[in-house]
């Protein structure tokens, strides 16, 4: 059976990934600066554009057939 990642799947993957990255961004910037305001500002700005880029990257890779193997019809 040939499968393709749906847009909804890509959105959910992007959101869950970003939640993890938001926490890590905040932690690292806070540890480096000791300032909550700077950590929050970085976290917000960074995650707006990187979420969009991740989504576009995911959709591009969903169209690339390289490295994909067909599934057996018996599965």
PDB file of N, CA and C in Angstrom:
ATOM      1  N   UNK A   1       0.846  -1.174   0.000  1.00  0.00           N
ATOM      2  CA  UNK A   1       0.000   0.000   0.000  1.00  0.00           C
ATOM      3  C   UNK A   1       0.893   1.240   0.000  1.00  0.00           C
ATOM      4  N   UNK A   2       0.636   2.133  -0.908  1.00  0.00           N
ATOM      5  CA  UNK A   2       1.389   3.385  -0.990  1.00  0.00           C
ATOM      6  C   UNK A   2       0.810   4.364   0.022  1.00  0.00           C
ATOM      7  N   UNK A   3       1.663   4.987   0.819  1.00  0.00           N
ATOM      8  CA  UNK A   3       1.178   5.935   1.821  1.00  0.00           C
ATOM      9  C   UNK A   3       1.831   7.282   1.607  1.00  0.00           C
ATOM     10  N   UNK A   4       1.140   8.304   2.062  1.00  0.00           N
ATOM     11  CA  UNK A   4       1.649   9.664   1.978  1.00  0.00           C
ATOM     12  C   UNK A   4       1.236  10.371   3.257  1.00  0.00           C
ATOM     13  N   UNK A   5       2.134  11.172   3.791  1.00  0.00           N
ATOM     14  CA  UNK A   5       1.833  11.906   5.013  1.00  0.00           C
ATOM     15  C   UNK A   5       0.788  12.980   4.726  1.00  0.00           C
ATOM     16  N   UNK A   6      -0.230  13.042   5.578  1.00  0.00           N
ATOM     17  CA  UNK A   6      -1.264  14.056   5.398  1.00  0.00           C
ATOM     18  C   UNK A   6      -0.782  15.397   5.953  1.00  0.00           C
ATOM     19  N   UNK A   7      -1.437  16.448   5.514  1.00  0.00           N
ATOM     20  CA  UNK A   7      -1.123  17.782   6.032  1.00  0.00           C
ATOM     21  C   UNK A   7      -1.395  17.836   7.530  1.00  0.00           C
ATOM     22  N   UNK A   8      -2.496  17.233   7.968  1.00  0.00           N
ATOM     23  CA  UNK A   8      -2.837  17.219   9.399  1.00  0.00           C
ATOM     24  C   UNK A   8      -1.724  16.551  10.213  1.00  0.00           C
ATOM     25  N   UNK A   9      -1.209  15.443   9.729  1.00  0.00           N
ATOM     26  CA  UNK A   9      -0.117  14.751  10.423  1.00  0.00           C
ATOM     27  C   UNK A   9       1.103  15.658  10.539  1.00  0.00           C
ATOM     28  N   UNK A  10       1.430  16.346   9.448  1.00  0.00           N
ATOM     29  CA  UNK A  10       2.575  17.256   9.458  1.00  0.00           C
ATOM     30  C   UNK A  10       2.370  18.393  10.457  1.00  0.00           C
ATOM     31  N   UNK A  11       1.151  18.908  10.539  1.00  0.00           N
ATOM     32  CA  UNK A  11       0.856  19.990  11.489  1.00  0.00           C
ATOM     33  C   UNK A  11       1.025  19.495  12.922  1.00  0.00           C
ATOM     34  N   UNK A  12       0.485  18.335  13.236  1.00  0.00           N
ATOM     35  CA  UNK A  12       0.594  17.784  14.594  1.00  0.00           C
ATOM     36  C   UNK A  12       2.054  17.513  14.951  1.00  0.00           C
ATOM     37  N   UNK A  13       2.811  16.959  14.007  1.00  0.00           N
ATOM     38  CA  UNK A  13       4.232  16.709  14.257  1.00  0.00           C
ATOM     39  C   UNK A  13       4.969  18.016  14.503  1.00  0.00           C
ATOM     40  N   UNK A  14       4.667  19.041  13.719  1.00  0.00           N
ATOM     41  CA  UNK A  14       5.323  20.337  13.883  1.00  0.00           C
ATOM     42  C   UNK A  14       5.005  20.939  15.245  1.00  0.00           C
ATOM     43  N   UNK A  15       3.750  20.846  15.668  1.00  0.00           N
ATOM     44  CA  UNK A  15       3.345  21.423  16.961  1.00  0.00           C
ATOM     45  C   UNK A  15       4.023  20.700  18.121  1.00  0.00           C
ATOM     46  N   UNK A  16       4.002  19.375  18.109  1.00  0.00           N
ATOM     47  CA  UNK A  16       4.613  18.644  19.217  1.00  0.00           C
ATOM     48  C   UNK A  16       6.123  18.863  19.276  1.00  0.00           C
ATOM     49  N   UNK A  17       6.746  18.931  18.115  1.00  0.00           N
ATOM     50  CA  UNK A  17       8.186  19.217  18.073  1.00  0.00           C
ATOM     51  C   UNK A  17       8.465  20.610  18.638  1.00  0.00           C
ATOM     52  N   UNK A  18       7.654  21.579  18.256  1.00  0.00           N
ATOM     53  CA  UNK A  18       7.873  22.950  18.707  1.00  0.00           C
ATOM     54  C   UNK A  18       7.677  23.085  20.211  1.00  0.00           C
ATOM     55  N   UNK A  19       6.755  22.343  20.801  1.00  0.00           N
ATOM     56  CA  UNK A  19       6.568  22.398  22.254  1.00  0.00           C
ATOM     57  C   UNK A  19       7.860  21.998  22.956  1.00  0.00           C
ATOM     58  N   UNK A  20       8.481  20.951  22.474  1.00  0.00           N
ATOM     59  CA  UNK A  20       9.756  20.507  23.055  1.00  0.00           C
ATOM     60  C   UNK A  20      10.823  21.582  22.869  1.00  0.00           C
ATOM     61  N   UNK A  21      10.920  22.140  21.673  1.00  0.00           N
ATOM     62  CA  UNK A  21      11.938  23.140  21.381  1.00  0.00           C
ATOM     63  C   UNK A  21      11.706  24.424  22.154  1.00  0.00           C
ATOM     64  N   UNK A  22      10.433  24.811  22.337  1.00  0.00           N
ATOM     65  CA  UNK A  22      10.124  26.012  23.133  1.00  0.00           C
ATOM     66  C   UNK A  22      10.695  25.869  24.541  1.00  0.00           C
ATOM     67  N   UNK A  23      10.473  24.725  25.136  1.00  0.00           N
ATOM     68  CA  UNK A  23      10.982  24.491  26.498  1.00  0.00           C
ATOM     69  C   UNK A  23      12.510  24.538  26.528  1.00  0.00           C
ATOM     70  N   UNK A  24      13.142  23.912  25.553  1.00  0.00           N
ATOM     71  CA  UNK A  24      14.604  23.920  25.500  1.00  0.00           C
ATOM     72  C   UNK A  24      15.156  25.317  25.221  1.00  0.00           C
ATOM     73  N   UNK A  25      14.512  26.052  24.296  1.00  0.00           N
ATOM     74  CA  UNK A  25      14.934  27.431  24.013  1.00  0.00           C
ATOM     75  C   UNK A  25      14.899  28.280  25.283  1.00  0.00           C
ATOM     76  N   UNK A  26      13.779  28.221  25.977  1.00  0.00           N
ATOM     77  CA  UNK A  26      13.638  29.009  27.194  1.00  0.00           C
ATOM     78  C   UNK A  26      14.725  28.630  28.196  1.00  0.00           C
ATOM     79  N   UNK A  27      14.891  27.347  28.432  1.00  0.00           N
ATOM     80  CA  UNK A  27      15.861  26.874  29.428  1.00  0.00           C
ATOM     81  C   UNK A  27      17.279  27.338  29.099  1.00  0.00           C
ATOM     82  N   UNK A  28      17.694  27.150  27.872  1.00  0.00           N
ATOM     83  CA  UNK A  28      19.065  27.505  27.494  1.00  0.00           C
ATOM     84  C   UNK A  28      19.288  29.016  27.581  1.00  0.00           C
ATOM     85  N   UNK A  29      18.372  29.804  27.046  1.00  0.00           N
ATOM     86  CA  UNK A  29      18.554  31.258  27.084  1.00  0.00           C
ATOM     87  C   UNK A  29      18.487  31.769  28.522  1.00  0.00           C
ATOM     88  N   UNK A  30      17.600  31.203  29.322  1.00  0.00           N
ATOM     89  CA  UNK A  30      17.528  31.610  30.728  1.00  0.00           C
ATOM     90  C   UNK A  30      18.820  31.257  31.464  1.00  0.00           C
ATOM     91  N   UNK A  31      19.344  30.056  31.216  1.00  0.00           N
ATOM     92  CA  UNK A  31      20.593  29.656  31.875  1.00  0.00           C
ATOM     93  C   UNK A  31      21.766  30.537  31.442  1.00  0.00           C
ATOM     94  N   UNK A  32      21.770  30.974  30.188  1.00  0.00           N
ATOM     95  CA  UNK A  32      22.855  31.828  29.695  1.00  0.00           C
ATOM     96  C   UNK A  32      22.744  33.274  30.169  1.00  0.00           C
ATOM     97  N   UNK A  33      21.520  33.769  30.292  1.00  0.00           N
ATOM     98  CA  UNK A  33      21.341  35.186  30.635  1.00  0.00           C
ATOM     99  C   UNK A  33      20.854  35.423  32.053  1.00  0.00           C
ATOM    100  N   UNK A  34      20.132  34.463  32.614  1.00  0.00           N
ATOM    101  CA  UNK A  34      19.539  34.643  33.936  1.00  0.00           C
ATOM    102  C   UNK A  34      18.343  35.587  33.908  1.00  0.00           C
ATOM    103  N   UNK A  35      17.849  35.907  32.721  1.00  0.00           N
ATOM    104  CA  UNK A  35      16.741  36.862  32.582  1.00  0.00           C
ATOM    105  C   UNK A  35      15.542  36.195  31.909  1.00  0.00           C
ATOM    106  N   UNK A  36      14.433  36.176  32.624  1.00  0.00           N
ATOM    107  CA  UNK A  36      13.216  35.560  32.112  1.00  0.00           C
ATOM    108  C   UNK A  36      12.697  36.319  30.889  1.00  0.00           C
ATOM    109  N   UNK A  37      12.704  37.645  30.930  1.00  0.00           N
ATOM    110  CA  UNK A  37      12.170  38.448  29.822  1.00  0.00           C
ATOM    111  C   UNK A  37      12.918  38.182  28.516  1.00  0.00           C
ATOM    112  N   UNK A  38      14.221  38.088  28.584  1.00  0.00           N
ATOM    113  CA  UNK A  38      15.015  37.811  27.380  1.00  0.00           C
ATOM    114  C   UNK A  38      14.726  36.396  26.876  1.00  0.00           C
ATOM    115  N   UNK A  39      14.634  35.450  27.785  1.00  0.00           N
ATOM    116  CA  UNK A  39      14.357  34.067  27.395  1.00  0.00           C
ATOM    117  C   UNK A  39      12.985  33.949  26.732  1.00  0.00           C
ATOM    118  N   UNK A  40      11.984  34.619  27.288  1.00  0.00           N
ATOM    119  CA  UNK A  40      10.637  34.575  26.714  1.00  0.00           C
ATOM    120  C   UNK A  40      10.614  35.251  25.339  1.00  0.00           C
ATOM    121  N   UNK A  41      11.254  36.411  25.220  1.00  0.00           N
ATOM    122  CA  UNK A  41      11.283  37.127  23.945  1.00  0.00           C
ATOM    123  C   UNK A  41      11.948  36.277  22.871  1.00  0.00           C
ATOM    124  N   UNK A  42      13.071  35.688  23.185  1.00  0.00           N
ATOM    125  CA  UNK A  42      13.759  34.825  22.218  1.00  0.00           C
ATOM    126  C   UNK A  42      12.877  33.646  21.840  1.00  0.00           C
ATOM    127  N   UNK A  43      12.268  33.029  22.837  1.00  0.00           N
ATOM    128  CA  UNK A  43      11.421  31.865  22.627  1.00  0.00           C
ATOM    129  C   UNK A  43      10.272  32.199  21.675  1.00  0.00           C
ATOM    130  N   UNK A  44       9.621  33.317  21.866  1.00  0.00           N
ATOM    131  CA  UNK A  44       8.479  33.694  21.027  1.00  0.00           C
ATOM    132  C   UNK A  44       8.923  33.962  19.589  1.00  0.00           C
ATOM    133  N   UNK A  45       9.907  34.819  19.413  1.00  0.00           N
ATOM    134  CA  UNK A  45      10.353  35.190  18.061  1.00  0.00           C
ATOM    135  C   UNK A  45      10.902  33.977  17.317  1.00  0.00           C
ATOM    136  N   UNK A  46      11.745  33.235  17.961  1.00  0.00           N
ATOM    137  CA  UNK A  46      12.362  32.073  17.336  1.00  0.00           C
ATOM    138  C   UNK A  46      11.329  31.046  16.900  1.00  0.00           C
ATOM    139  N   UNK A  47      10.355  30.812  17.727  1.00  0.00           N
ATOM    140  CA  UNK A  47       9.408  29.745  17.437  1.00  0.00           C
ATOM    141  C   UNK A  47       8.343  30.123  16.414  1.00  0.00           C
ATOM    142  N   UNK A  48       8.144  31.379  16.172  1.00  0.00           N
ATOM    143  CA  UNK A  48       7.211  31.780  15.120  1.00  0.00           C
ATOM    144  C   UNK A  48       7.775  31.386  13.762  1.00  0.00           C
ATOM    145  N   UNK A  49       8.995  31.811  13.472  1.00  0.00           N
ATOM    146  CA  UNK A  49       9.532  31.513  12.145  1.00  0.00           C
ATOM    147  C   UNK A  49      10.023  30.077  12.004  1.00  0.00           C
ATOM    148  N   UNK A  50      10.548  29.478  13.048  1.00  0.00           N
ATOM    149  CA  UNK A  50      11.045  28.112  12.893  1.00  0.00           C
ATOM    150  C   UNK A  50       9.919  27.091  12.761  1.00  0.00           C
ATOM    151  N   UNK A  51       8.755  27.353  13.337  1.00  0.00           N
ATOM    152  CA  UNK A  51       7.618  26.442  13.156  1.00  0.00           C
ATOM    153  C   UNK A  51       7.188  26.432  11.701  1.00  0.00           C
ATOM    154  N   UNK A  52       7.110  27.590  11.099  1.00  0.00           N
ATOM    155  CA  UNK A  52       6.746  27.687   9.690  1.00  0.00           C
ATOM    156  C   UNK A  52       7.775  26.963   8.812  1.00  0.00           C
ATOM    157  N   UNK A  53       9.042  27.180   9.080  1.00  0.00           N
ATOM    158  CA  UNK A  53      10.099  26.541   8.280  1.00  0.00           C
ATOM    159  C   UNK A  53      10.057  25.020   8.448  1.00  0.00           C
ATOM    160  N   UNK A  54       9.837  24.546   9.672  1.00  0.00           N
ATOM    161  CA  UNK A  54       9.753  23.102   9.905  1.00  0.00           C
ATOM    162  C   UNK A  54       8.586  22.504   9.116  1.00  0.00           C
ATOM    163  N   UNK A  55       7.435  23.155   9.149  1.00  0.00           N
ATOM    164  CA  UNK A  55       6.268  22.662   8.423  1.00  0.00           C
ATOM    165  C   UNK A  55       6.558  22.570   6.924  1.00  0.00           C
ATOM    166  N   UNK A  56       7.149  23.610   6.360  1.00  0.00           N
ATOM    167  CA  UNK A  56       7.462  23.604   4.940  1.00  0.00           C
ATOM    168  C   UNK A  56       8.487  22.508   4.616  1.00  0.00           C
ATOM    169  N   UNK A  57       9.462  22.336   5.473  1.00  0.00           N
ATOM    170  CA  UNK A  57      10.465  21.277   5.301  1.00  0.00           C
ATOM    171  C   UNK A  57       9.800  19.906   5.326  1.00  0.00           C
ATOM    172  N   UNK A  58       8.889  19.692   6.245  1.00  0.00           N
ATOM    173  CA  UNK A  58       8.167  18.421   6.351  1.00  0.00           C
ATOM    174  C   UNK A  58       7.338  18.151   5.100  1.00  0.00           C
ATOM    175  N   UNK A  59       6.634  19.158   4.595  1.00  0.00           N
ATOM    176  CA  UNK A  59       5.814  18.983   3.394  1.00  0.00           C
ATOM    177  C   UNK A  59       6.679  18.707   2.172  1.00  0.00           C
ATOM    178  N   UNK A  60       7.829  19.351   2.085  1.00  0.00           N
ATOM    179  CA  UNK A  60       8.743  19.087   0.979  1.00  0.00           C
ATOM    180  C   UNK A  60       9.215  17.640   1.019  1.00  0.00           C
ATOM    181  N   UNK A  61       9.642  17.168   2.176  1.00  0.00           N
ATOM    182  CA  UNK A  61      10.122  15.799   2.301  1.00  0.00           C
ATOM    183  C   UNK A  61       9.006  14.772   2.084  1.00  0.00           C
ATOM    184  N   UNK A  62       7.772  15.140   2.353  1.00  0.00           N
ATOM    185  CA  UNK A  62       6.659  14.221   2.102  1.00  0.00           C
ATOM    186  C   UNK A  62       6.505  13.952   0.605  1.00  0.00           C
ATOM    187  N   UNK A  63       6.989  14.855  -0.236  1.00  0.00           N
ATOM    188  CA  UNK A  63       6.894  14.698  -1.694  1.00  0.00           C
ATOM    189  C   UNK A  63       8.105  13.993  -2.304  1.00  0.00           C
ATOM    190  N   UNK A  64       9.183  13.887  -1.573  1.00  0.00           N
ATOM    191  CA  UNK A  64      10.409  13.278  -2.093  1.00  0.00           C
ATOM    192  C   UNK A  64      10.338  11.763  -1.907  1.00  0.00           C
ATOM    193  N   UNK A  65      10.505  11.045  -2.979  1.00  0.00           N
ATOM    194  CA  UNK A  65      10.394   9.581  -2.943  1.00  0.00           C
ATOM    195  C   UNK A  65      11.696   8.898  -2.537  1.00  0.00           C
ATOM    196  N   UNK A  66      12.803   9.617  -2.566  1.00  0.00           N
ATOM    197  CA  UNK A  66      14.103   9.028  -2.254  1.00  0.00           C
ATOM    198  C   UNK A  66      14.083   8.432  -0.845  1.00  0.00           C
ATOM    199  N   UNK A  67      14.564   7.205  -0.716  1.00  0.00           N
ATOM    200  CA  UNK A  67      14.661   6.542   0.578  1.00  0.00           C
ATOM    201  C   UNK A  67      13.371   5.879   1.042  1.00  0.00           C
ATOM    202  N   UNK A  68      12.318   5.980   0.257  1.00  0.00           N
ATOM    203  CA  UNK A  68      11.039   5.354   0.617  1.00  0.00           C
ATOM    204  C   UNK A  68      11.005   3.952  -0.002  1.00  0.00           C
ATOM    205  N   UNK A  69      10.483   3.018   0.732  1.00  0.00           N
ATOM    206  CA  UNK A  69      10.332   1.674   0.204  1.00  0.00           C
ATOM    207  C   UNK A  69       8.832   1.334   0.182  1.00  0.00           C
ATOM    208  N   UNK A  70       8.398   0.665  -0.865  1.00  0.00           N
ATOM    209  CA  UNK A  70       6.976   0.314  -0.928  1.00  0.00           C
ATOM    210  C   UNK A  70       6.628  -0.719   0.141  1.00  0.00           C
ATOM    211  N   UNK A  71       5.417  -0.608   0.663  1.00  0.00           N
ATOM    212  CA  UNK A  71       4.957  -1.574   1.650  1.00  0.00           C
ATOM    213  C   UNK A  71       4.409  -2.804   0.927  1.00  0.00           C
ATOM    214  N   UNK A  72       4.561  -3.938   1.575  1.00  0.00           N
ATOM    215  CA  UNK A  72       3.975  -5.170   1.013  1.00  0.00           C
ATOM    216  C   UNK A  72       2.458  -5.079   1.072  1.00  0.00           C
ATOM    217  N   UNK A  73       1.802  -5.596   0.066  1.00  0.00           N
ATOM    218  CA  UNK A  73       0.336  -5.565   0.026  1.00  0.00           C
ATOM    219  C   UNK A  73      -0.261  -6.456   1.119  1.00  0.00           C
ATOM    220  N   UNK A  74       0.508  -7.405   1.638  1.00  0.00           N
ATOM    221  CA  UNK A  74       0.023  -8.338   2.648  1.00  0.00           C
ATOM    222  C   UNK A  74      -0.081  -7.670   4.029  1.00  0.00           C
ATOM    223  N   UNK A  75       0.566  -6.538   4.225  1.00  0.00           N
ATOM    224  CA  UNK A  75       0.575  -5.902   5.551  1.00  0.00           C
ATOM    225  C   UNK A  75      -0.764  -5.381   5.948  1.00  0.00           C
TER     226      UNK A  75
END
